[in-house]
Amino acid sequence: MQMNSEVLVHGIKESTGTFEGKAFSSTVFHCEVDMKENGAGRALGHVTRPFKLGDHTEFEKWAHLGPVLNNGPIRAVATFEMEATREDGTKLLLVAIRPVDAKPAAPAAPKVPQAA
């Protein structure tokens, strides 16, 4: 199943080369996600999660946005595919991404716990 979502891209990394005789090539998009509270404690704010997409040539489609990205995250529309796994039930795969605009996005407002 595929779904579109607006994301904030904080960074993009191109990787290419060889490791132990095997060639590798990828582009990784670091997209903002909410921190989840769990039984071990509370959480505030946002973090980024890496999503691989394509090979190292995907980076070139975004390279011109480097100066903009250095001033803050870029708003983008991402297409994700959900895949069933044995470990945790589902896995989110990035299958496409495109910038919405070429200016830094305003930072998200921090979540403040509500008093009971």
N, C-alpha and C. Protein backbone atom coordinates (compact mmCIF):
# COMPACT_ATOMS: atom_id res chain seq x y z
N MET A 1 0.84 -1.17 0.00
CA MET A 1 0.00 0.00 0.00
C MET A 1 0.89 1.24 0.00
N GLN A 2 0.58 2.20 -0.85
CA GLN A 2 1.35 3.44 -0.92
C GLN A 2 0.54 4.59 -0.35
N MET A 3 1.27 5.56 0.25
CA MET A 3 0.62 6.76 0.77
C MET A 3 1.56 7.94 0.61
N ASN A 4 0.98 9.11 0.39
CA ASN A 4 1.76 10.35 0.29
C ASN A 4 1.70 11.08 1.62
N SER A 5 2.79 11.75 1.94
CA SER A 5 2.87 12.50 3.18
C SER A 5 3.80 13.69 2.99
N GLU A 6 3.44 14.84 3.59
CA GLU A 6 4.35 15.97 3.56
C GLU A 6 5.38 15.76 4.66
N VAL A 7 6.65 15.94 4.32
CA VAL A 7 7.73 15.73 5.27
C VAL A 7 8.66 16.94 5.26
N LEU A 8 9.47 17.06 6.31
CA LEU A 8 10.52 18.05 6.37
C LEU A 8 11.84 17.32 6.22
N VAL A 9 12.57 17.68 5.17
CA VAL A 9 13.87 17.06 4.90
C VAL A 9 14.94 17.94 5.54
N HIS A 10 15.71 17.35 6.45
CA HIS A 10 16.76 18.09 7.16
C HIS A 10 18.13 17.86 6.54
N GLY A 11 18.30 16.77 5.81
CA GLY A 11 19.59 16.49 5.22
C GLY A 11 19.49 15.41 4.17
N ILE A 12 20.46 15.40 3.25
CA ILE A 12 20.50 14.42 2.17
C ILE A 12 21.95 13.98 2.04
N LYS A 13 22.19 12.68 1.97
CA LYS A 13 23.55 12.17 1.89
C LYS A 13 23.68 11.17 0.74
N GLU A 14 24.69 11.40 -0.06
CA GLU A 14 25.01 10.51 -1.18
C GLU A 14 26.13 9.57 -0.72
N SER A 15 26.00 8.29 -1.05
CA SER A 15 27.06 7.33 -0.75
C SER A 15 27.31 6.46 -1.96
N THR A 16 28.59 6.26 -2.26
CA THR A 16 28.96 5.38 -3.36
C THR A 16 30.37 4.86 -3.11
N GLY A 17 30.62 3.65 -3.53
CA GLY A 17 31.95 3.06 -3.36
C GLY A 17 31.88 1.56 -3.31
N THR A 18 32.87 0.98 -2.69
CA THR A 18 32.91 -0.47 -2.51
C THR A 18 33.28 -0.78 -1.06
N PHE A 19 32.77 -1.89 -0.55
CA PHE A 19 33.09 -2.35 0.79
C PHE A 19 33.21 -3.86 0.74
N GLU A 20 34.38 -4.34 1.11
CA GLU A 20 34.67 -5.78 1.08
C GLU A 20 34.33 -6.39 -0.29
N GLY A 21 34.70 -5.66 -1.34
CA GLY A 21 34.51 -6.14 -2.70
C GLY A 21 33.13 -5.96 -3.28
N LYS A 22 32.18 -5.43 -2.51
CA LYS A 22 30.83 -5.23 -3.01
C LYS A 22 30.59 -3.74 -3.25
N ALA A 23 30.03 -3.42 -4.41
CA ALA A 23 29.72 -2.03 -4.75
C ALA A 23 28.44 -1.60 -4.04
N PHE A 24 28.40 -0.32 -3.63
CA PHE A 24 27.18 0.23 -3.06
C PHE A 24 26.95 1.63 -3.62
N SER A 25 25.70 2.03 -3.66
CA SER A 25 25.32 3.33 -4.18
C SER A 25 23.94 3.66 -3.64
N SER A 26 23.82 4.78 -2.92
CA SER A 26 22.52 5.15 -2.38
C SER A 26 22.45 6.63 -2.09
N THR A 27 21.23 7.12 -1.91
CA THR A 27 20.97 8.46 -1.41
C THR A 27 20.06 8.28 -0.21
N VAL A 28 20.40 8.96 0.88
CA VAL A 28 19.63 8.86 2.12
C VAL A 28 19.04 10.23 2.44
N PHE A 29 17.73 10.27 2.65
CA PHE A 29 17.02 11.48 3.04
C PHE A 29 16.75 11.39 4.54
N HIS A 30 17.14 12.43 5.27
CA HIS A 30 16.89 12.48 6.72
C HIS A 30 15.66 13.35 6.94
N CYS A 31 14.53 12.68 7.25
CA CYS A 31 13.24 13.34 7.39
C CYS A 31 12.82 13.42 8.86
N GLU A 32 12.16 14.51 9.20
CA GLU A 32 11.73 14.74 10.58
C GLU A 32 10.58 13.82 10.95
N VAL A 33 10.66 13.27 12.15
CA VAL A 33 9.59 12.45 12.71
C VAL A 33 9.40 12.85 14.18
N ASP A 34 8.21 12.61 14.70
CA ASP A 34 7.96 12.90 16.12
C ASP A 34 8.64 11.84 16.98
N MET A 35 9.08 12.26 18.16
CA MET A 35 9.60 11.29 19.12
C MET A 35 8.40 10.67 19.83
N LYS A 36 8.44 9.37 19.99
CA LYS A 36 7.32 8.67 20.62
C LYS A 36 7.62 8.42 22.09
N GLU A 37 6.63 8.71 22.91
CA GLU A 37 6.77 8.38 24.32
C GLU A 37 6.61 6.88 24.46
N ASN A 38 7.27 6.34 25.46
CA ASN A 38 7.15 4.91 25.71
C ASN A 38 7.13 4.66 27.21
N GLY A 39 7.07 3.42 27.59
CA GLY A 39 7.00 3.07 29.01
C GLY A 39 8.24 3.47 29.78
N ALA A 40 9.35 3.73 29.10
CA ALA A 40 10.60 4.06 29.79
C ALA A 40 10.72 5.55 30.08
N GLY A 41 9.85 6.37 29.52
CA GLY A 41 9.96 7.80 29.80
C GLY A 41 9.20 8.65 28.82
N ARG A 42 9.22 9.95 29.10
CA ARG A 42 8.54 10.92 28.27
C ARG A 42 9.49 11.44 27.21
N ALA A 43 8.94 12.10 26.18
CA ALA A 43 9.76 12.64 25.10
C ALA A 43 9.15 13.94 24.60
N LEU A 44 10.00 14.84 24.18
CA LEU A 44 9.58 16.11 23.59
C LEU A 44 10.39 16.34 22.33
N GLY A 45 9.79 16.97 21.34
CA GLY A 45 10.53 17.39 20.17
C GLY A 45 10.49 16.42 19.00
N HIS A 46 11.44 16.63 18.11
CA HIS A 46 11.48 15.89 16.85
C HIS A 46 12.90 15.36 16.63
N VAL A 47 12.99 14.31 15.86
CA VAL A 47 14.26 13.75 15.45
C VAL A 47 14.17 13.49 13.96
N THR A 48 15.28 13.09 13.35
CA THR A 48 15.21 12.70 11.95
C THR A 48 15.43 11.20 11.84
N ARG A 49 14.84 10.65 10.80
CA ARG A 49 14.99 9.23 10.51
C ARG A 49 15.51 9.11 9.09
N PRO A 50 16.50 8.25 8.86
CA PRO A 50 17.02 8.10 7.50
C PRO A 50 16.12 7.18 6.66
N PHE A 51 15.92 7.59 5.40
CA PHE A 51 15.19 6.78 4.42
C PHE A 51 16.03 6.71 3.16
N LYS A 52 16.40 5.50 2.73
CA LYS A 52 17.16 5.33 1.49
C LYS A 52 16.22 5.41 0.30
N LEU A 53 16.75 6.00 -0.79
CA LEU A 53 15.99 6.06 -2.04
C LEU A 53 16.95 5.99 -3.21
N GLY A 54 16.78 5.03 -4.05
CA GLY A 54 17.56 4.94 -5.29
C GLY A 54 19.05 4.81 -5.07
N ASP A 55 19.79 5.25 -6.08
CA ASP A 55 21.25 5.18 -6.00
C ASP A 55 21.81 6.59 -5.79
N HIS A 56 23.12 6.73 -5.89
CA HIS A 56 23.75 8.02 -5.60
C HIS A 56 23.35 9.13 -6.57
N THR A 57 22.82 8.78 -7.73
CA THR A 57 22.43 9.82 -8.70
C THR A 57 21.20 10.60 -8.25
N GLU A 58 20.41 10.06 -7.33
CA GLU A 58 19.24 10.78 -6.80
C GLU A 58 19.67 12.08 -6.14
N PHE A 59 20.88 12.09 -5.57
CA PHE A 59 21.40 13.28 -4.89
C PHE A 59 21.47 14.49 -5.83
N GLU A 60 21.82 14.25 -7.08
CA GLU A 60 21.97 15.35 -8.05
C GLU A 60 20.67 16.12 -8.26
N LYS A 61 19.52 15.47 -8.10
CA LYS A 61 18.23 16.14 -8.26
C LYS A 61 17.99 17.17 -7.17
N TRP A 62 18.73 17.07 -6.06
CA TRP A 62 18.54 17.94 -4.91
C TRP A 62 19.74 18.85 -4.65
N ALA A 63 20.85 18.62 -5.32
CA ALA A 63 22.09 19.34 -5.03
C ALA A 63 21.93 20.86 -5.12
N HIS A 64 21.11 21.34 -6.05
CA HIS A 64 20.91 22.79 -6.20
C HIS A 64 20.22 23.41 -4.99
N LEU A 65 19.60 22.60 -4.14
CA LEU A 65 18.92 23.11 -2.95
C LEU A 65 19.83 23.16 -1.73
N GLY A 66 21.10 22.83 -1.89
CA GLY A 66 22.04 22.83 -0.78
C GLY A 66 22.07 24.12 0.02
N PRO A 67 22.20 25.29 -0.63
CA PRO A 67 22.22 26.54 0.13
C PRO A 67 20.93 26.78 0.91
N VAL A 68 19.80 26.37 0.37
CA VAL A 68 18.52 26.53 1.05
C VAL A 68 18.45 25.57 2.24
N LEU A 69 18.86 24.34 2.02
CA LEU A 69 18.81 23.32 3.07
C LEU A 69 19.73 23.67 4.24
N ASN A 70 20.80 24.39 3.98
CA ASN A 70 21.70 24.82 5.05
C ASN A 70 21.04 25.81 5.99
N ASN A 71 19.94 26.44 5.57
CA ASN A 71 19.22 27.40 6.40
C ASN A 71 18.01 26.79 7.11
N GLY A 72 17.77 25.54 6.93
CA GLY A 72 16.65 24.88 7.59
C GLY A 72 16.07 23.77 6.74
N PRO A 73 15.15 23.02 7.30
CA PRO A 73 14.58 21.89 6.55
C PRO A 73 13.77 22.36 5.34
N ILE A 74 13.67 21.49 4.36
CA ILE A 74 12.89 21.76 3.14
C ILE A 74 11.63 20.91 3.19
N ARG A 75 10.50 21.55 2.87
CA ARG A 75 9.22 20.84 2.78
C ARG A 75 9.21 20.00 1.51
N ALA A 76 8.75 18.76 1.63
CA ALA A 76 8.69 17.86 0.48
C ALA A 76 7.48 16.95 0.60
N VAL A 77 7.07 16.40 -0.54
CA VAL A 77 6.02 15.38 -0.56
C VAL A 77 6.70 14.05 -0.82
N ALA A 78 6.49 13.13 0.09
CA ALA A 78 7.12 11.80 -0.01
C ALA A 78 6.05 10.75 -0.23
N THR A 79 6.38 9.77 -1.04
CA THR A 79 5.51 8.61 -1.22
C THR A 79 6.17 7.44 -0.50
N PHE A 80 5.44 6.87 0.43
CA PHE A 80 5.92 5.73 1.21
C PHE A 80 5.13 4.49 0.84
N GLU A 81 5.78 3.36 0.98
CA GLU A 81 5.11 2.08 0.79
C GLU A 81 5.23 1.31 2.09
N MET A 82 4.11 0.79 2.56
CA MET A 82 4.13 -0.03 3.77
C MET A 82 4.32 -1.49 3.37
N GLU A 83 5.23 -2.14 4.08
CA GLU A 83 5.55 -3.53 3.78
C GLU A 83 5.44 -4.33 5.08
N ALA A 84 4.80 -5.48 5.01
CA ALA A 84 4.68 -6.34 6.20
C ALA A 84 6.01 -7.00 6.50
N THR A 85 6.35 -7.06 7.79
CA THR A 85 7.57 -7.73 8.23
C THR A 85 7.24 -8.65 9.39
N ARG A 86 8.15 -9.55 9.68
CA ARG A 86 7.94 -10.45 10.81
C ARG A 86 8.28 -9.78 12.14
N GLU A 87 9.27 -8.88 12.13
CA GLU A 87 9.76 -8.31 13.38
C GLU A 87 8.74 -7.43 14.09
N ASP A 88 8.36 -6.32 13.47
CA ASP A 88 7.49 -5.35 14.14
C ASP A 88 6.16 -5.14 13.43
N GLY A 89 5.88 -5.91 12.44
CA GLY A 89 4.60 -5.80 11.76
C GLY A 89 4.62 -5.03 10.46
N THR A 90 5.23 -3.83 10.43
CA THR A 90 5.27 -3.05 9.20
C THR A 90 6.62 -2.35 9.06
N LYS A 91 6.95 -2.06 7.82
CA LYS A 91 8.18 -1.33 7.50
C LYS A 91 7.78 -0.25 6.51
N LEU A 92 8.31 0.96 6.70
CA LEU A 92 8.01 2.09 5.83
C LEU A 92 9.16 2.30 4.87
N LEU A 93 8.89 2.22 3.57
CA LEU A 93 9.91 2.41 2.53
C LEU A 93 9.62 3.67 1.74
N LEU A 94 10.64 4.49 1.53
CA LEU A 94 10.50 5.68 0.70
C LEU A 94 10.63 5.26 -0.75
N VAL A 95 9.60 5.57 -1.57
CA VAL A 95 9.65 5.18 -2.98
C VAL A 95 9.74 6.38 -3.93
N ALA A 96 9.42 7.59 -3.42
CA ALA A 96 9.55 8.81 -4.23
C ALA A 96 9.51 10.02 -3.30
N ILE A 97 10.17 11.10 -3.72
CA ILE A 97 10.14 12.33 -2.95
C ILE A 97 10.41 13.50 -3.88
N ARG A 98 9.71 14.61 -3.63
CA ARG A 98 9.94 15.82 -4.43
C ARG A 98 9.75 17.04 -3.54
N PRO A 99 10.56 18.08 -3.75
CA PRO A 99 10.42 19.28 -2.94
C PRO A 99 9.13 20.02 -3.27
N VAL A 100 8.52 20.62 -2.25
CA VAL A 100 7.30 21.40 -2.44
C VAL A 100 7.66 22.83 -2.81
N ASP A 101 8.64 23.39 -2.12
CA ASP A 101 9.09 24.74 -2.42
C ASP A 101 10.59 24.81 -2.16
N ALA A 102 11.19 25.88 -2.55
CA ALA A 102 12.64 26.00 -2.42
C ALA A 102 13.03 27.01 -1.35
N LYS A 103 12.30 26.99 -0.23
CA LYS A 103 12.68 27.86 0.88
C LYS A 103 12.61 27.03 2.15
N PRO A 104 13.39 27.39 3.17
CA PRO A 104 13.37 26.62 4.40
C PRO A 104 12.00 26.65 5.06
N ALA A 105 11.59 25.54 5.60
CA ALA A 105 10.31 25.45 6.31
C ALA A 105 10.48 25.99 7.71
N ALA A 106 9.41 26.57 8.24
CA ALA A 106 9.43 27.03 9.63
C ALA A 106 9.54 25.80 10.54
N PRO A 107 10.30 25.90 11.61
CA PRO A 107 10.41 24.74 12.49
C PRO A 107 9.05 24.41 13.11
N ALA A 108 8.83 23.14 13.34
CA ALA A 108 7.56 22.70 13.94
C ALA A 108 7.51 23.17 15.37
N ALA A 109 6.31 23.50 15.83
CA ALA A 109 6.14 23.91 17.22
C ALA A 109 6.34 22.69 18.12
N PRO A 110 7.05 22.87 19.24
CA PRO A 110 7.27 21.72 20.12
C PRO A 110 5.97 21.28 20.77
N LYS A 111 5.86 19.98 20.99
CA LYS A 111 4.68 19.45 21.68
C LYS A 111 4.88 19.67 23.17
N VAL A 112 3.86 20.22 23.80
CA VAL A 112 3.91 20.47 25.23
C VAL A 112 2.90 19.55 25.90
N PRO A 113 3.33 18.79 26.90
CA PRO A 113 2.38 17.89 27.57
C PRO A 113 1.23 18.68 28.19
N GLN A 114 0.03 18.13 28.06
CA GLN A 114 -1.15 18.77 28.63
C GLN A 114 -1.30 18.38 30.09
N ALA A 115 -1.66 19.34 30.92
CA ALA A 115 -1.90 19.06 32.33
C ALA A 115 -3.21 18.28 32.46
N ALA A 116 -3.20 17.34 33.38
CA ALA A 116 -4.40 16.50 33.56
C ALA A 116 -5.45 17.16 34.40
